[in-house]
Amino acid sequence: MRTFFGLNREYAENVYEQFFFLKYHGGWSFTEAYNLPVGLRDWFVKRLVKQIEQENEQTKKANKK
């Protein structure tokens, strides 16, 4: 189903997932995440994923010692 502005439910769900991710893992407020331009929000989400993956890898290496 499409909304008035043509955004479907799946797109909206993905946007809400980004808001949750930035809030939960990045410490952003909902308002901060909501007001980011789409391209910048996407960049921050991808960068935060990369950071978490790097930290997890470092933790695994440290635990093997």
PDB file of N, CA and C in Angstrom:
ATOM      1  N   MET A   1       0.839  -1.177   0.000  1.00  0.00           N
ATOM      2  CA  MET A   1       0.000   0.000   0.000  1.00  0.00           C
ATOM      3  C   MET A   1       0.889   1.247   0.000  1.00  0.00           C
ATOM      4  N   ARG A   2       0.540   2.214  -0.803  1.00  0.00           N
ATOM      5  CA  ARG A   2       1.284   3.458  -0.879  1.00  0.00           C
ATOM      6  C   ARG A   2       0.564   4.527  -0.058  1.00  0.00           C
ATOM      7  N   THR A   3       1.341   5.416   0.538  1.00  0.00           N
ATOM      8  CA  THR A   3       0.751   6.520   1.277  1.00  0.00           C
ATOM      9  C   THR A   3       0.542   7.694   0.329  1.00  0.00           C
ATOM     10  N   PHE A   4       0.048   8.766   0.842  1.00  0.00           N
ATOM     11  CA  PHE A   4      -0.224   9.965   0.048  1.00  0.00           C
ATOM     12  C   PHE A   4       1.011  10.436  -0.706  1.00  0.00           C
ATOM     13  N   PHE A   5       2.169  10.377  -0.081  1.00  0.00           N
ATOM     14  CA  PHE A   5       3.399  10.863  -0.692  1.00  0.00           C
ATOM     15  C   PHE A   5       4.133   9.785  -1.487  1.00  0.00           C
ATOM     16  N   GLY A   6       3.543   8.625  -1.628  1.00  0.00           N
ATOM     17  CA  GLY A   6       4.142   7.572  -2.434  1.00  0.00           C
ATOM     18  C   GLY A   6       5.137   6.690  -1.701  1.00  0.00           C
ATOM     19  N   LEU A   7       5.289   6.875  -0.405  1.00  0.00           N
ATOM     20  CA  LEU A   7       6.207   6.043   0.369  1.00  0.00           C
ATOM     21  C   LEU A   7       5.457   4.806   0.846  1.00  0.00           C
ATOM     22  N   ASN A   8       6.006   3.649   0.525  1.00  0.00           N
ATOM     23  CA  ASN A   8       5.307   2.432   0.942  1.00  0.00           C
ATOM     24  C   ASN A   8       5.695   2.040   2.362  1.00  0.00           C
ATOM     25  N   ARG A   9       4.995   1.057   2.876  1.00  0.00           N
ATOM     26  CA  ARG A   9       5.186   0.615   4.265  1.00  0.00           C
ATOM     27  C   ARG A   9       6.601   0.083   4.494  1.00  0.00           C
ATOM     28  N   GLU A  10       7.133  -0.628   3.511  1.00  0.00           N
ATOM     29  CA  GLU A  10       8.481  -1.183   3.643  1.00  0.00           C
ATOM     30  C   GLU A  10       9.523  -0.073   3.783  1.00  0.00           C
ATOM     31  N   TYR A  11       9.396   0.976   2.995  1.00  0.00           N
ATOM     32  CA  TYR A  11      10.328   2.098   3.088  1.00  0.00           C
ATOM     33  C   TYR A  11      10.233   2.750   4.465  1.00  0.00           C
ATOM     34  N   ALA A  12       9.007   2.983   4.919  1.00  0.00           N
ATOM     35  CA  ALA A  12       8.813   3.592   6.233  1.00  0.00           C
ATOM     36  C   ALA A  12       9.431   2.719   7.323  1.00  0.00           C
ATOM     37  N   GLU A  13       9.257   1.409   7.216  1.00  0.00           N
ATOM     38  CA  GLU A  13       9.832   0.483   8.201  1.00  0.00           C
ATOM     39  C   GLU A  13      11.356   0.592   8.216  1.00  0.00           C
ATOM     40  N   ASN A  14      11.968   0.694   7.046  1.00  0.00           N
ATOM     41  CA  ASN A  14      13.422   0.842   6.961  1.00  0.00           C
ATOM     42  C   ASN A  14      13.893   2.144   7.594  1.00  0.00           C
ATOM     43  N   VAL A  15      13.153   3.205   7.389  1.00  0.00           N
ATOM     44  CA  VAL A  15      13.500   4.494   7.993  1.00  0.00           C
ATOM     45  C   VAL A  15      13.414   4.393   9.511  1.00  0.00           C
ATOM     46  N   TYR A  16      12.364   3.760  10.024  1.00  0.00           N
ATOM     47  CA  TYR A  16      12.228   3.598  11.475  1.00  0.00           C
ATOM     48  C   TYR A  16      13.349   2.734  12.046  1.00  0.00           C
ATOM     49  N   GLU A  17      13.775   1.726  11.290  1.00  0.00           N
ATOM     50  CA  GLU A  17      14.907   0.898  11.726  1.00  0.00           C
ATOM     51  C   GLU A  17      16.172   1.748  11.829  1.00  0.00           C
ATOM     52  N   GLN A  18      16.371   2.648  10.878  1.00  0.00           N
ATOM     53  CA  GLN A  18      17.532   3.538  10.941  1.00  0.00           C
ATOM     54  C   GLN A  18      17.445   4.439  12.169  1.00  0.00           C
ATOM     55  N   PHE A  19      16.270   4.989  12.439  1.00  0.00           N
ATOM     56  CA  PHE A  19      16.093   5.828  13.629  1.00  0.00           C
ATOM     57  C   PHE A  19      16.438   5.044  14.890  1.00  0.00           C
ATOM     58  N   PHE A  20      15.907   3.822  14.986  1.00  0.00           N
ATOM     59  CA  PHE A  20      16.170   2.994  16.158  1.00  0.00           C
ATOM     60  C   PHE A  20      17.663   2.711  16.296  1.00  0.00           C
ATOM     61  N   PHE A  21      18.302   2.337  15.193  1.00  0.00           N
ATOM     62  CA  PHE A  21      19.725   2.003  15.203  1.00  0.00           C
ATOM     63  C   PHE A  21      20.563   3.194  15.657  1.00  0.00           C
ATOM     64  N   LEU A  22      20.295   4.370  15.100  1.00  0.00           N
ATOM     65  CA  LEU A  22      21.044   5.565  15.487  1.00  0.00           C
ATOM     66  C   LEU A  22      20.799   5.921  16.948  1.00  0.00           C
ATOM     67  N   LYS A  23      19.581   5.722  17.420  1.00  0.00           N
ATOM     68  CA  LYS A  23      19.267   6.028  18.815  1.00  0.00           C
ATOM     69  C   LYS A  23      19.896   5.006  19.758  1.00  0.00           C
ATOM     70  N   TYR A  24      19.746   3.732  19.444  1.00  0.00           N
ATOM     71  CA  TYR A  24      20.203   2.665  20.334  1.00  0.00           C
ATOM     72  C   TYR A  24      21.723   2.553  20.360  1.00  0.00           C
ATOM     73  N   HIS A  25      22.350   2.552  19.202  1.00  0.00           N
ATOM     74  CA  HIS A  25      23.794   2.334  19.139  1.00  0.00           C
ATOM     75  C   HIS A  25      24.603   3.622  19.044  1.00  0.00           C
ATOM     76  N   GLY A  26      23.997   4.686  18.578  1.00  0.00           N
ATOM     77  CA  GLY A  26      24.741   5.919  18.362  1.00  0.00           C
ATOM     78  C   GLY A  26      24.452   7.014  19.360  1.00  0.00           C
ATOM     79  N   GLY A  27      23.428   6.820  20.181  1.00  0.00           N
ATOM     80  CA  GLY A  27      23.097   7.823  21.181  1.00  0.00           C
ATOM     81  C   GLY A  27      22.390   9.053  20.615  1.00  0.00           C
ATOM     82  N   TRP A  28      21.896   8.947  19.387  1.00  0.00           N
ATOM     83  CA  TRP A  28      21.183  10.067  18.775  1.00  0.00           C
ATOM     84  C   TRP A  28      19.785  10.157  19.375  1.00  0.00           C
ATOM     85  N   SER A  29      19.227  11.348  19.383  1.00  0.00           N
ATOM     86  CA  SER A  29      17.818  11.486  19.750  1.00  0.00           C
ATOM     87  C   SER A  29      16.975  11.214  18.509  1.00  0.00           C
ATOM     88  N   PHE A  30      15.707  10.927  18.716  1.00  0.00           N
ATOM     89  CA  PHE A  30      14.810  10.703  17.584  1.00  0.00           C
ATOM     90  C   PHE A  30      14.764  11.943  16.702  1.00  0.00           C
ATOM     91  N   THR A  31      14.699  13.103  17.323  1.00  0.00           N
ATOM     92  CA  THR A  31      14.614  14.358  16.569  1.00  0.00           C
ATOM     93  C   THR A  31      15.858  14.583  15.730  1.00  0.00           C
ATOM     94  N   GLU A  32      17.026  14.298  16.292  1.00  0.00           N
ATOM     95  CA  GLU A  32      18.268  14.452  15.522  1.00  0.00           C
ATOM     96  C   GLU A  32      18.271  13.542  14.303  1.00  0.00           C
ATOM     97  N   ALA A  33      17.917  12.283  14.497  1.00  0.00           N
ATOM     98  CA  ALA A  33      17.899  11.333  13.382  1.00  0.00           C
ATOM     99  C   ALA A  33      16.834  11.722  12.355  1.00  0.00           C
ATOM    100  N   TYR A  34      15.686  12.137  12.827  1.00  0.00           N
ATOM    101  CA  TYR A  34      14.578  12.503  11.949  1.00  0.00           C
ATOM    102  C   TYR A  34      14.936  13.688  11.059  1.00  0.00           C
ATOM    103  N   ASN A  35      15.658  14.640  11.610  1.00  0.00           N
ATOM    104  CA  ASN A  35      15.967  15.867  10.877  1.00  0.00           C
ATOM    105  C   ASN A  35      17.187  15.766   9.968  1.00  0.00           C
ATOM    106  N   LEU A  36      17.898  14.647  10.001  1.00  0.00           N
ATOM    107  CA  LEU A  36      19.040  14.479   9.097  1.00  0.00           C
ATOM    108  C   LEU A  36      18.559  14.330   7.655  1.00  0.00           C
ATOM    109  N   PRO A  37      19.275  14.928   6.711  1.00  0.00           N
ATOM    110  CA  PRO A  37      18.971  14.636   5.306  1.00  0.00           C
ATOM    111  C   PRO A  37      19.182  13.143   5.048  1.00  0.00           C
ATOM    112  N   VAL A  38      18.410  12.580   4.138  1.00  0.00           N
ATOM    113  CA  VAL A  38      18.419  11.135   3.894  1.00  0.00           C
ATOM    114  C   VAL A  38      19.824  10.619   3.588  1.00  0.00           C
ATOM    115  N   GLY A  39      20.538  11.280   2.694  1.00  0.00           N
ATOM    116  CA  GLY A  39      21.880  10.822   2.327  1.00  0.00           C
ATOM    117  C   GLY A  39      22.836  10.830   3.504  1.00  0.00           C
ATOM    118  N   LEU A  40      22.750  11.843   4.336  1.00  0.00           N
ATOM    119  CA  LEU A  40      23.619  11.933   5.508  1.00  0.00           C
ATOM    120  C   LEU A  40      23.240  10.880   6.542  1.00  0.00           C
ATOM    121  N   ARG A  41      21.941  10.660   6.714  1.00  0.00           N
ATOM    122  CA  ARG A  41      21.488   9.616   7.643  1.00  0.00           C
ATOM    123  C   ARG A  41      21.983   8.249   7.197  1.00  0.00           C
ATOM    124  N   ASP A  42      21.892   7.965   5.900  1.00  0.00           N
ATOM    125  CA  ASP A  42      22.393   6.695   5.370  1.00  0.00           C
ATOM    126  C   ASP A  42      23.886   6.549   5.639  1.00  0.00           C
ATOM    127  N   TRP A  43      24.644   7.641   5.447  1.00  0.00           N
ATOM    128  CA  TRP A  43      26.088   7.589   5.672  1.00  0.00           C
ATOM    129  C   TRP A  43      26.387   7.271   7.137  1.00  0.00           C
ATOM    130  N   PHE A  44      25.711   7.946   8.048  1.00  0.00           N
ATOM    131  CA  PHE A  44      25.954   7.700   9.470  1.00  0.00           C
ATOM    132  C   PHE A  44      25.602   6.268   9.860  1.00  0.00           C
ATOM    133  N   VAL A  45      24.529   5.728   9.320  1.00  0.00           N
ATOM    134  CA  VAL A  45      24.151   4.343   9.624  1.00  0.00           C
ATOM    135  C   VAL A  45      25.230   3.394   9.127  1.00  0.00           C
ATOM    136  N   LYS A  46      25.671   3.565   7.886  1.00  0.00           N
ATOM    137  CA  LYS A  46      26.714   2.690   7.329  1.00  0.00           C
ATOM    138  C   LYS A  46      28.014   2.822   8.110  1.00  0.00           C
ATOM    139  N   ARG A  47      28.356   4.038   8.498  1.00  0.00           N
ATOM    140  CA  ARG A  47      29.604   4.258   9.241  1.00  0.00           C
ATOM    141  C   ARG A  47      29.524   3.649  10.631  1.00  0.00           C
ATOM    142  N   LEU A  48      28.383   3.746  11.265  1.00  0.00           N
ATOM    143  CA  LEU A  48      28.209   3.159  12.590  1.00  0.00           C
ATOM    144  C   LEU A  48      28.266   1.641  12.519  1.00  0.00           C
ATOM    145  N   VAL A  49      27.689   1.050  11.475  1.00  0.00           N
ATOM    146  CA  VAL A  49      27.782  -0.400  11.271  1.00  0.00           C
ATOM    147  C   VAL A  49      29.243  -0.803  11.130  1.00  0.00           C
ATOM    148  N   LYS A  50      29.998  -0.063  10.327  1.00  0.00           N
ATOM    149  CA  LYS A  50      31.423  -0.345  10.124  1.00  0.00           C
ATOM    150  C   LYS A  50      32.181  -0.266  11.449  1.00  0.00           C
ATOM    151  N   GLN A  51      31.894   0.750  12.247  1.00  0.00           N
ATOM    152  CA  GLN A  51      32.563   0.928  13.537  1.00  0.00           C
ATOM    153  C   GLN A  51      32.262  -0.234  14.478  1.00  0.00           C
ATOM    154  N   ILE A  52      31.015  -0.635  14.546  1.00  0.00           N
ATOM    155  CA  ILE A  52      30.623  -1.743  15.424  1.00  0.00           C
ATOM    156  C   ILE A  52      31.297  -3.030  14.979  1.00  0.00           C
ATOM    157  N   GLU A  53      31.352  -3.264  13.669  1.00  0.00           N
ATOM    158  CA  GLU A  53      32.023  -4.462  13.154  1.00  0.00           C
ATOM    159  C   GLU A  53      33.509  -4.450  13.508  1.00  0.00           C
ATOM    160  N   GLN A  54      34.167  -3.297  13.387  1.00  0.00           N
ATOM    161  CA  GLN A  54      35.587  -3.193  13.735  1.00  0.00           C
ATOM    162  C   GLN A  54      35.800  -3.463  15.217  1.00  0.00           C
ATOM    163  N   GLU A  55      34.945  -2.907  16.051  1.00  0.00           N
ATOM    164  CA  GLU A  55      35.073  -3.122  17.490  1.00  0.00           C
ATOM    165  C   GLU A  55      34.836  -4.585  17.853  1.00  0.00           C
ATOM    166  N   ASN A  56      33.869  -5.210  17.204  1.00  0.00           N
ATOM    167  CA  ASN A  56      33.612  -6.634  17.459  1.00  0.00           C
ATOM    168  C   ASN A  56      34.811  -7.484  17.054  1.00  0.00           C
ATOM    169  N   GLU A  57      35.421  -7.158  15.935  1.00  0.00           N
ATOM    170  CA  GLU A  57      36.606  -7.889  15.466  1.00  0.00           C
ATOM    171  C   GLU A  57      37.768  -7.724  16.449  1.00  0.00           C
ATOM    172  N   GLN A  58      37.968  -6.516  16.945  1.00  0.00           N
ATOM    173  CA  GLN A  58      39.032  -6.274  17.921  1.00  0.00           C
ATOM    174  C   GLN A  58      38.770  -7.040  19.213  1.00  0.00           C
ATOM    175  N   THR A  59      37.521  -7.105  19.625  1.00  0.00           N
ATOM    176  CA  THR A  59      37.162  -7.853  20.829  1.00  0.00           C
ATOM    177  C   THR A  59      37.445  -9.336  20.642  1.00  0.00           C
ATOM    178  N   LYS A  60      37.102  -9.872  19.472  1.00  0.00           N
ATOM    179  CA  LYS A  60      37.381 -11.284  19.187  1.00  0.00           C
ATOM    180  C   LYS A  60      38.876 -11.562  19.237  1.00  0.00           C
ATOM    181  N   LYS A  61      39.675 -10.680  18.648  1.00  0.00           N
ATOM    182  CA  LYS A  61      41.130 -10.859  18.648  1.00  0.00           C
ATOM    183  C   LYS A  61      41.682 -10.807  20.067  1.00  0.00           C
ATOM    184  N   ALA A  62      41.178  -9.886  20.862  1.00  0.00           N
ATOM    185  CA  ALA A  62      41.649  -9.750  22.239  1.00  0.00           C
ATOM    186  C   ALA A  62      41.277 -10.975  23.073  1.00  0.00           C
ATOM    187  N   ASN A  63      40.131 -11.554  22.804  1.00  0.00           N
ATOM    188  CA  ASN A  63      39.683 -12.728  23.559  1.00  0.00           C
ATOM    189  C   ASN A  63      40.455 -13.988  23.198  1.00  0.00           C
ATOM    190  N   LYS A  64      41.062 -14.018  22.021  1.00  0.00           N
ATOM    191  CA  LYS A  64      41.841 -15.182  21.595  1.00  0.00           C
ATOM    192  C   LYS A  64      43.209 -15.228  22.261  1.00  0.00           C
ATOM    193  N   LYS A  65      43.656 -14.126  22.799  1.00  0.00           N
ATOM    194  CA  LYS A  65      44.993 -14.068  23.411  1.00  0.00           C
ATOM    195  C   LYS A  65      45.032 -14.792  24.728  1.00  0.00           C
TER     196      LYS A  65
END
